[in-house]
């Protein structure tokens, strides 16, 4: 079975699904609301990868992050929230990479090494962010855990912008790829 011309890269797609699964599994034990949000986020993210749609992917990952925040409001430990939010961001990053590789190189290009390198680099950065978040929380002492999570999310957003500014900030291409592919299909 062959992939369509602009379908997302397989290894990065599967890693995005796995990262989303980690975010889901960490948020689920704390409340029905966190479970519902995380489940919807995971499903939307998976559907976005099937369709190769960046906007839907971002929505799914955002709902996963929201599930982590709801878990924080329902008694999740700071380490659980950090892992859930980091895994959600890694799912988004890996999904974005899958879509980019699929669109740029197509289905016949050998991309496994490049995908694995990106996944390993993202996982390293994500692990470092969790470690910094945990150390900061331990040093801060009486600081509210939700404040630490918000600061962590801000730091992760800055890292995302630094690692991929053209994919995140290029609004001139917003929707143009979809419009081009729709016009060519007609």
C-alpha atoms as a PDB file:
ATOM      1  CA  UNK A   1       0.000   0.000   0.000  1.00  0.00           C
ATOM      2  CA  UNK A   2       1.469   3.347  -1.003  1.00  0.00           C
ATOM      3  CA  UNK A   3       1.033   6.707   0.624  1.00  0.00           C
ATOM      4  CA  UNK A   4      -0.583   9.595  -1.192  1.00  0.00           C
ATOM      5  CA  UNK A   5       1.768  12.282  -2.498  1.00  0.00           C
ATOM      6  CA  UNK A   6       1.552  14.686   0.450  1.00  0.00           C
ATOM      7  CA  UNK A   7       0.717  12.335   3.324  1.00  0.00           C
ATOM      8  CA  UNK A   8       2.608  12.887   6.592  1.00  0.00           C
ATOM      9  CA  UNK A   9       5.789  10.934   7.250  1.00  0.00           C
ATOM     10  CA  UNK A  10       5.087   7.639   8.999  1.00  0.00           C
ATOM     11  CA  UNK A  11       7.665   7.529  11.815  1.00  0.00           C
ATOM     12  CA  UNK A  12       6.970  11.088  12.963  1.00  0.00           C
ATOM     13  CA  UNK A  13       3.226  10.480  12.746  1.00  0.00           C
ATOM     14  CA  UNK A  14       3.475   7.432  14.976  1.00  0.00           C
ATOM     15  CA  UNK A  15       5.711   9.253  17.435  1.00  0.00           C
ATOM     16  CA  UNK A  16       3.159  12.091  17.587  1.00  0.00           C
ATOM     17  CA  UNK A  17       0.427   9.562  18.373  1.00  0.00           C
ATOM     18  CA  UNK A  18       2.630   7.978  21.064  1.00  0.00           C
ATOM     19  CA  UNK A  19       3.503  11.340  22.645  1.00  0.00           C
ATOM     20  CA  UNK A  20      -0.190  12.246  22.645  1.00  0.00           C
ATOM     21  CA  UNK A  21      -0.896   8.893  24.321  1.00  0.00           C
ATOM     22  CA  UNK A  22       1.575   9.741  27.073  1.00  0.00           C
ATOM     23  CA  UNK A  23      -0.076  13.138  27.587  1.00  0.00           C
ATOM     24  CA  UNK A  24      -3.463  11.443  27.695  1.00  0.00           C
ATOM     25  CA  UNK A  25      -2.412   8.705  30.123  1.00  0.00           C
ATOM     26  CA  UNK A  26      -0.876  11.125  32.585  1.00  0.00           C
ATOM     27  CA  UNK A  27      -3.903  13.469  32.658  1.00  0.00           C
ATOM     28  CA  UNK A  28      -6.637  10.805  32.754  1.00  0.00           C
ATOM     29  CA  UNK A  29      -6.491   9.659  36.409  1.00  0.00           C
ATOM     30  CA  UNK A  30      -7.378  13.042  37.858  1.00  0.00           C
ATOM     31  CA  UNK A  31     -10.887  13.835  36.647  1.00  0.00           C
ATOM     32  CA  UNK A  32     -13.554  13.025  34.117  1.00  0.00           C
ATOM     33  CA  UNK A  33     -13.038  16.485  32.600  1.00  0.00           C
ATOM     34  CA  UNK A  34      -9.309  15.937  32.080  1.00  0.00           C
ATOM     35  CA  UNK A  35     -10.131  12.516  30.619  1.00  0.00           C
ATOM     36  CA  UNK A  36     -12.690  13.949  28.203  1.00  0.00           C
ATOM     37  CA  UNK A  37     -10.446  16.787  27.043  1.00  0.00           C
ATOM     38  CA  UNK A  38      -7.386  14.586  26.672  1.00  0.00           C
ATOM     39  CA  UNK A  39      -9.331  11.921  24.778  1.00  0.00           C
ATOM     40  CA  UNK A  40     -10.792  14.463  22.360  1.00  0.00           C
ATOM     41  CA  UNK A  41      -7.357  16.062  21.910  1.00  0.00           C
ATOM     42  CA  UNK A  42      -5.727  12.706  21.155  1.00  0.00           C
ATOM     43  CA  UNK A  43      -8.428  11.769  18.633  1.00  0.00           C
ATOM     44  CA  UNK A  44      -8.337  15.166  16.897  1.00  0.00           C
ATOM     45  CA  UNK A  45      -4.554  14.993  16.691  1.00  0.00           C
ATOM     46  CA  UNK A  46      -4.750  11.536  15.126  1.00  0.00           C
ATOM     47  CA  UNK A  47      -7.354  12.668  12.601  1.00  0.00           C
ATOM     48  CA  UNK A  48      -5.203  15.687  11.746  1.00  0.00           C
ATOM     49  CA  UNK A  49      -2.313  13.386  10.923  1.00  0.00           C
ATOM     50  CA  UNK A  50      -4.524  11.290   8.674  1.00  0.00           C
ATOM     51  CA  UNK A  51      -5.647  14.417   6.845  1.00  0.00           C
ATOM     52  CA  UNK A  52      -2.280  16.195   6.975  1.00  0.00           C
ATOM     53  CA  UNK A  53      -3.895  19.342   8.399  1.00  0.00           C
ATOM     54  CA  UNK A  54      -1.702  21.605  10.543  1.00  0.00           C
ATOM     55  CA  UNK A  55      -4.566  23.664  11.991  1.00  0.00           C
ATOM     56  CA  UNK A  56      -6.409  20.593  13.215  1.00  0.00           C
ATOM     57  CA  UNK A  57      -3.145  19.205  14.596  1.00  0.00           C
ATOM     58  CA  UNK A  58      -2.600  22.396  16.581  1.00  0.00           C
ATOM     59  CA  UNK A  59      -6.171  22.250  17.872  1.00  0.00           C
ATOM     60  CA  UNK A  60      -5.754  18.631  19.003  1.00  0.00           C
ATOM     61  CA  UNK A  61      -2.476  19.354  20.768  1.00  0.00           C
ATOM     62  CA  UNK A  62      -3.978  22.450  22.390  1.00  0.00           C
ATOM     63  CA  UNK A  63      -6.880  20.417  23.759  1.00  0.00           C
ATOM     64  CA  UNK A  64      -4.360  17.877  25.106  1.00  0.00           C
ATOM     65  CA  UNK A  65      -2.488  20.690  26.877  1.00  0.00           C
ATOM     66  CA  UNK A  66      -5.793  21.942  28.264  1.00  0.00           C
ATOM     67  CA  UNK A  67      -6.462  18.437  29.581  1.00  0.00           C
ATOM     68  CA  UNK A  68      -3.151  18.638  31.448  1.00  0.00           C
ATOM     69  CA  UNK A  69      -4.133  21.978  32.954  1.00  0.00           C
ATOM     70  CA  UNK A  70      -7.515  20.619  34.039  1.00  0.00           C
ATOM     71  CA  UNK A  71      -5.686  17.710  35.688  1.00  0.00           C
ATOM     72  CA  UNK A  72      -3.550  20.292  37.520  1.00  0.00           C
ATOM     73  CA  UNK A  73      -6.684  21.953  38.821  1.00  0.00           C
ATOM     74  CA  UNK A  74      -7.926  18.593  40.082  1.00  0.00           C
ATOM     75  CA  UNK A  75      -4.940  17.606  42.166  1.00  0.00           C
ATOM     76  CA  UNK A  76      -2.332  16.330  39.716  1.00  0.00           C
ATOM     77  CA  UNK A  77       1.224  16.645  40.916  1.00  0.00           C
ATOM     78  CA  UNK A  78       3.502  19.164  39.259  1.00  0.00           C
ATOM     79  CA  UNK A  79       5.569  16.359  37.737  1.00  0.00           C
ATOM     80  CA  UNK A  80       2.455  14.759  36.212  1.00  0.00           C
ATOM     81  CA  UNK A  81       1.347  18.078  34.740  1.00  0.00           C
ATOM     82  CA  UNK A  82       4.804  18.829  33.373  1.00  0.00           C
ATOM     83  CA  UNK A  83       4.959  15.429  31.701  1.00  0.00           C
ATOM     84  CA  UNK A  84       1.427  15.740  30.290  1.00  0.00           C
ATOM     85  CA  UNK A  85       2.021  19.215  28.872  1.00  0.00           C
ATOM     86  CA  UNK A  86       5.473  18.324  27.526  1.00  0.00           C
ATOM     87  CA  UNK A  87       4.176  15.165  25.871  1.00  0.00           C
ATOM     88  CA  UNK A  88       1.374  17.193  24.277  1.00  0.00           C
ATOM     89  CA  UNK A  89       3.833  19.749  22.920  1.00  0.00           C
ATOM     90  CA  UNK A  90       6.100  16.963  21.654  1.00  0.00           C
ATOM     91  CA  UNK A  91       3.084  15.399  19.920  1.00  0.00           C
ATOM     92  CA  UNK A  92       2.412  18.710  18.187  1.00  0.00           C
ATOM     93  CA  UNK A  93       6.064  19.133  17.208  1.00  0.00           C
ATOM     94  CA  UNK A  94       6.376  15.603  15.877  1.00  0.00           C
ATOM     95  CA  UNK A  95       3.102  15.958  13.974  1.00  0.00           C
ATOM     96  CA  UNK A  96       4.225  19.235  12.420  1.00  0.00           C
ATOM     97  CA  UNK A  97       7.458  17.545  11.356  1.00  0.00           C
ATOM     98  CA  UNK A  98       5.521  14.618   9.861  1.00  0.00           C
ATOM     99  CA  UNK A  99       3.346  16.937   7.809  1.00  0.00           C
ATOM    100  CA  UNK A 100       6.324  19.034   6.672  1.00  0.00           C
ATOM    101  CA  UNK A 101       8.371  16.031   5.585  1.00  0.00           C
ATOM    102  CA  UNK A 102       5.406  14.488   3.814  1.00  0.00           C
ATOM    103  CA  UNK A 103       4.703  17.666   1.869  1.00  0.00           C
ATOM    104  CA  UNK A 104       8.312  18.509   1.054  1.00  0.00           C
ATOM    105  CA  UNK A 105       9.797  15.102   0.261  1.00  0.00           C
ATOM    106  CA  UNK A 106       6.851  12.899  -0.617  1.00  0.00           C
ATOM    107  CA  UNK A 107       6.251   9.225   0.073  1.00  0.00           C
ATOM    108  CA  UNK A 108       9.205   7.749  -1.786  1.00  0.00           C
ATOM    109  CA  UNK A 109      11.997   9.612   0.042  1.00  0.00           C
ATOM    110  CA  UNK A 110      13.930   7.713   2.722  1.00  0.00           C
ATOM    111  CA  UNK A 111      13.209   9.893   5.776  1.00  0.00           C
ATOM    112  CA  UNK A 112      13.542   7.565   8.771  1.00  0.00           C
ATOM    113  CA  UNK A 113      16.957   8.850   9.906  1.00  0.00           C
ATOM    114  CA  UNK A 114      15.883  12.488   9.659  1.00  0.00           C
ATOM    115  CA  UNK A 115      12.653  11.758  11.505  1.00  0.00           C
ATOM    116  CA  UNK A 116      14.414   9.840  14.272  1.00  0.00           C
ATOM    117  CA  UNK A 117      16.951  12.648  14.661  1.00  0.00           C
ATOM    118  CA  UNK A 118      14.175  15.196  15.040  1.00  0.00           C
ATOM    119  CA  UNK A 119      12.288  13.009  17.510  1.00  0.00           C
ATOM    120  CA  UNK A 120      15.416  12.453  19.615  1.00  0.00           C
ATOM    121  CA  UNK A 121      16.258  16.169  19.630  1.00  0.00           C
ATOM    122  CA  UNK A 122      12.698  17.102  20.591  1.00  0.00           C
ATOM    123  CA  UNK A 123      12.607  14.469  23.323  1.00  0.00           C
ATOM    124  CA  UNK A 124      15.908  15.768  24.703  1.00  0.00           C
ATOM    125  CA  UNK A 125      14.648  19.354  24.805  1.00  0.00           C
ATOM    126  CA  UNK A 126      11.332  18.245  26.327  1.00  0.00           C
ATOM    127  CA  UNK A 127      13.076  16.199  29.010  1.00  0.00           C
ATOM    128  CA  UNK A 128      15.324  19.141  29.837  1.00  0.00           C
ATOM    129  CA  UNK A 129      12.273  21.407  30.167  1.00  0.00           C
ATOM    130  CA  UNK A 130      10.602  18.957  32.544  1.00  0.00           C
ATOM    131  CA  UNK A 131      13.791  18.706  34.589  1.00  0.00           C
ATOM    132  CA  UNK A 132      14.153  22.500  34.773  1.00  0.00           C
ATOM    133  CA  UNK A 133      10.492  22.801  35.729  1.00  0.00           C
ATOM    134  CA  UNK A 134      10.857  20.250  38.523  1.00  0.00           C
ATOM    135  CA  UNK A 135      14.052  21.813  39.872  1.00  0.00           C
ATOM    136  CA  UNK A 136      12.489  25.281  39.755  1.00  0.00           C
ATOM    137  CA  UNK A 137       9.423  24.030  41.601  1.00  0.00           C
ATOM    138  CA  UNK A 138      11.540  22.394  44.294  1.00  0.00           C
ATOM    139  CA  UNK A 139      13.641  25.531  44.748  1.00  0.00           C
ATOM    140  CA  UNK A 140      10.642  27.872  44.788  1.00  0.00           C
ATOM    141  CA  UNK A 141       8.992  25.979  47.627  1.00  0.00           C
ATOM    142  CA  UNK A 142       5.618  27.615  48.310  1.00  0.00           C
ATOM    143  CA  UNK A 143       4.900  28.768  44.755  1.00  0.00           C
ATOM    144  CA  UNK A 144       1.537  27.639  43.407  1.00  0.00           C
ATOM    145  CA  UNK A 145       1.987  24.655  41.037  1.00  0.00           C
ATOM    146  CA  UNK A 146      -0.239  26.223  38.375  1.00  0.00           C
ATOM    147  CA  UNK A 147       2.073  29.251  38.171  1.00  0.00           C
ATOM    148  CA  UNK A 148       5.003  26.903  37.554  1.00  0.00           C
ATOM    149  CA  UNK A 149       3.055  25.160  34.793  1.00  0.00           C
ATOM    150  CA  UNK A 150       2.176  28.475  33.142  1.00  0.00           C
ATOM    151  CA  UNK A 151       5.839  29.524  33.236  1.00  0.00           C
ATOM    152  CA  UNK A 152       6.793  26.135  31.813  1.00  0.00           C
ATOM    153  CA  UNK A 153       4.294  26.536  28.971  1.00  0.00           C
ATOM    154  CA  UNK A 154       5.693  29.992  28.242  1.00  0.00           C
ATOM    155  CA  UNK A 155       9.222  28.552  28.095  1.00  0.00           C
ATOM    156  CA  UNK A 156       8.057  25.728  25.827  1.00  0.00           C
ATOM    157  CA  UNK A 157       6.392  28.256  23.521  1.00  0.00           C
ATOM    158  CA  UNK A 158       9.628  30.218  23.256  1.00  0.00           C
ATOM    159  CA  UNK A 159      11.547  27.026  22.448  1.00  0.00           C
ATOM    160  CA  UNK A 160       8.942  26.139  19.806  1.00  0.00           C
ATOM    161  CA  UNK A 161       9.321  29.543  18.192  1.00  0.00           C
ATOM    162  CA  UNK A 162      13.109  29.250  18.243  1.00  0.00           C
ATOM    163  CA  UNK A 163      13.155  25.738  16.758  1.00  0.00           C
ATOM    164  CA  UNK A 164      10.588  26.304  14.036  1.00  0.00           C
ATOM    165  CA  UNK A 165       9.853  29.976  13.360  1.00  0.00           C
ATOM    166  CA  UNK A 166       9.055  29.586   9.674  1.00  0.00           C
ATOM    167  CA  UNK A 167       6.376  26.966  10.332  1.00  0.00           C
ATOM    168  CA  UNK A 168       4.869  28.884  13.245  1.00  0.00           C
ATOM    169  CA  UNK A 169       5.206  32.504  12.165  1.00  0.00           C
ATOM    170  CA  UNK A 170       4.779  32.375   8.369  1.00  0.00           C
ATOM    171  CA  UNK A 171       1.251  33.674   7.952  1.00  0.00           C
ATOM    172  CA  UNK A 172       1.673  34.314   4.229  1.00  0.00           C
ATOM    173  CA  UNK A 173       1.400  30.582   3.579  1.00  0.00           C
ATOM    174  CA  UNK A 174      -1.567  30.094   5.912  1.00  0.00           C
ATOM    175  CA  UNK A 175      -4.161  28.256   3.912  1.00  0.00           C
ATOM    176  CA  UNK A 176      -2.297  28.639   0.615  1.00  0.00           C
ATOM    177  CA  UNK A 177      -1.136  24.996   0.568  1.00  0.00           C
ATOM    178  CA  UNK A 178      -4.668  23.778   1.090  1.00  0.00           C
ATOM    179  CA  UNK A 179      -6.017  26.188  -1.531  1.00  0.00           C
ATOM    180  CA  UNK A 180      -3.358  25.085  -4.028  1.00  0.00           C
ATOM    181  CA  UNK A 181      -4.093  21.401  -3.492  1.00  0.00           C
ATOM    182  CA  UNK A 182      -7.863  22.044  -3.718  1.00  0.00           C
ATOM    183  CA  UNK A 183      -7.419  23.925  -6.993  1.00  0.00           C
ATOM    184  CA  UNK A 184      -5.242  21.177  -8.483  1.00  0.00           C
ATOM    185  CA  UNK A 185      -7.807  18.517  -7.580  1.00  0.00           C
ATOM    186  CA  UNK A 186     -10.578  20.281  -9.501  1.00  0.00           C
END
